[in-house]
Amino acid sequence: MANTDSARKRIRQNEKRNARNTARRSRVRTFMRKLEDALTGGDKAQAQAAFQALQPEMQSAVTKGVLHANTVARKLSRMSARVKSLGSAQA
């Protein structure tokens, strides 16, 4: 247990940040799940809409320090390729 006032404050701050970051990470995962469902369903228009909604959420997570920039870039690149290939497979 923390003995000093500053250590107690640090614990309070960490708990708040942890809750905030958990919520942000969960929000990103929700948007990713929506895109996964659209890709699995095979609806290109819905997949594109889901991807457009996912991009700013992931970039926001980078800005807030929840996710690493290269991780987001890699995932967005792969998702974009999957959305594009969805259209060519049906055409």
Protein backbone atom coordinates (compact mmCIF):
# COMPACT_ATOMS: atom_id res chain seq x y z
CA MET A 1 0.00 0.00 0.00
CA ALA A 2 1.20 3.48 -0.82
CA ASN A 3 2.45 5.46 2.14
CA THR A 4 2.95 8.92 0.71
CA ASP A 5 0.37 11.35 -0.61
CA SER A 6 2.08 11.49 -4.00
CA ALA A 7 2.03 7.68 -4.28
CA ARG A 8 -1.66 7.61 -3.40
CA LYS A 9 -2.33 10.24 -6.05
CA ARG A 10 -0.35 8.24 -8.61
CA ILE A 11 -2.50 5.20 -7.85
CA ARG A 12 -5.68 7.24 -8.36
CA GLN A 13 -4.36 8.61 -11.67
CA ASN A 14 -3.35 5.16 -12.87
CA GLU A 15 -6.79 3.75 -12.11
CA LYS A 16 -8.49 6.55 -14.05
CA ARG A 17 -6.15 6.20 -17.01
CA ASN A 18 -6.51 2.44 -17.00
CA ALA A 19 -10.31 2.73 -17.17
CA ARG A 20 -10.11 5.35 -19.92
CA ASN A 21 -7.65 3.35 -22.02
CA THR A 22 -9.64 0.14 -21.55
CA ALA A 23 -12.76 1.91 -22.84
CA ARG A 24 -10.87 3.27 -25.85
CA ARG A 25 -9.38 -0.14 -26.67
CA SER A 26 -12.81 -1.75 -26.35
CA ARG A 27 -14.32 0.86 -28.67
CA VAL A 28 -11.68 0.15 -31.33
CA ARG A 29 -12.31 -3.60 -31.02
CA THR A 30 -16.05 -3.02 -31.47
CA PHE A 31 -15.45 -1.16 -34.73
CA MET A 32 -13.05 -3.88 -35.87
CA ARG A 33 -15.69 -6.51 -35.11
CA LYS A 34 -18.25 -4.60 -37.19
CA LEU A 35 -15.83 -4.59 -40.12
CA GLU A 36 -15.12 -8.32 -39.65
CA ASP A 37 -18.85 -9.04 -39.75
CA ALA A 38 -19.25 -6.97 -42.92
CA LEU A 39 -16.32 -8.76 -44.57
CA THR A 40 -17.66 -12.16 -43.56
CA GLY A 41 -21.09 -11.23 -44.90
CA GLY A 42 -19.60 -10.28 -48.26
CA ASP A 43 -21.33 -6.90 -48.53
CA LYS A 44 -18.77 -4.53 -50.01
CA ALA A 45 -20.75 -1.33 -49.37
CA GLN A 46 -21.25 -2.22 -45.74
CA ALA A 47 -17.58 -3.22 -45.40
CA GLN A 48 -16.45 0.10 -46.88
CA ALA A 49 -18.71 2.03 -44.50
CA ALA A 50 -17.40 0.03 -41.55
CA PHE A 51 -13.81 0.63 -42.67
CA GLN A 52 -14.44 4.37 -43.00
CA ALA A 53 -15.78 4.38 -39.43
CA LEU A 54 -12.88 2.28 -38.14
CA GLN A 55 -10.06 4.46 -39.48
CA PRO A 56 -10.62 7.56 -37.30
CA GLU A 57 -11.22 5.39 -34.23
CA MET A 58 -7.88 3.66 -34.66
CA GLN A 59 -6.05 6.91 -35.39
CA SER A 60 -7.59 8.40 -32.27
CA ALA A 61 -6.28 5.47 -30.25
CA VAL A 62 -2.80 6.23 -31.59
CA THR A 63 -3.10 9.90 -30.67
CA LYS A 64 -4.21 8.98 -27.15
CA GLY A 65 -1.34 6.52 -26.72
CA VAL A 66 -3.53 3.43 -26.45
CA LEU A 67 -2.15 1.71 -29.55
CA HIS A 68 1.20 1.98 -31.29
CA ALA A 69 1.26 3.85 -34.60
CA ASN A 70 2.90 1.03 -36.56
CA THR A 71 0.40 -1.49 -35.22
CA VAL A 72 -2.50 0.63 -36.41
CA ALA A 73 -0.86 1.26 -39.79
CA ARG A 74 -0.32 -2.48 -40.28
CA LYS A 75 -3.87 -3.40 -39.29
CA LEU A 76 -5.46 -0.67 -41.41
CA SER A 77 -3.37 -1.73 -44.40
CA ARG A 78 -4.48 -5.35 -44.05
CA MET A 79 -8.12 -4.40 -43.54
CA SER A 80 -8.02 -2.09 -46.56
CA ALA A 81 -6.63 -4.89 -48.71
CA ARG A 82 -9.39 -7.22 -47.53
CA VAL A 83 -12.08 -4.64 -48.34
CA LYS A 84 -10.61 -4.10 -51.81
CA SER A 85 -10.32 -7.83 -52.53
CA LEU A 86 -13.96 -8.27 -51.52
CA GLY A 87 -15.03 -6.22 -54.53
CA SER A 88 -12.79 -7.97 -57.04
CA ALA A 89 -13.94 -11.40 -55.91
CA GLN A 90 -17.57 -10.55 -56.69
CA ALA A 91 -16.91 -8.70 -59.95
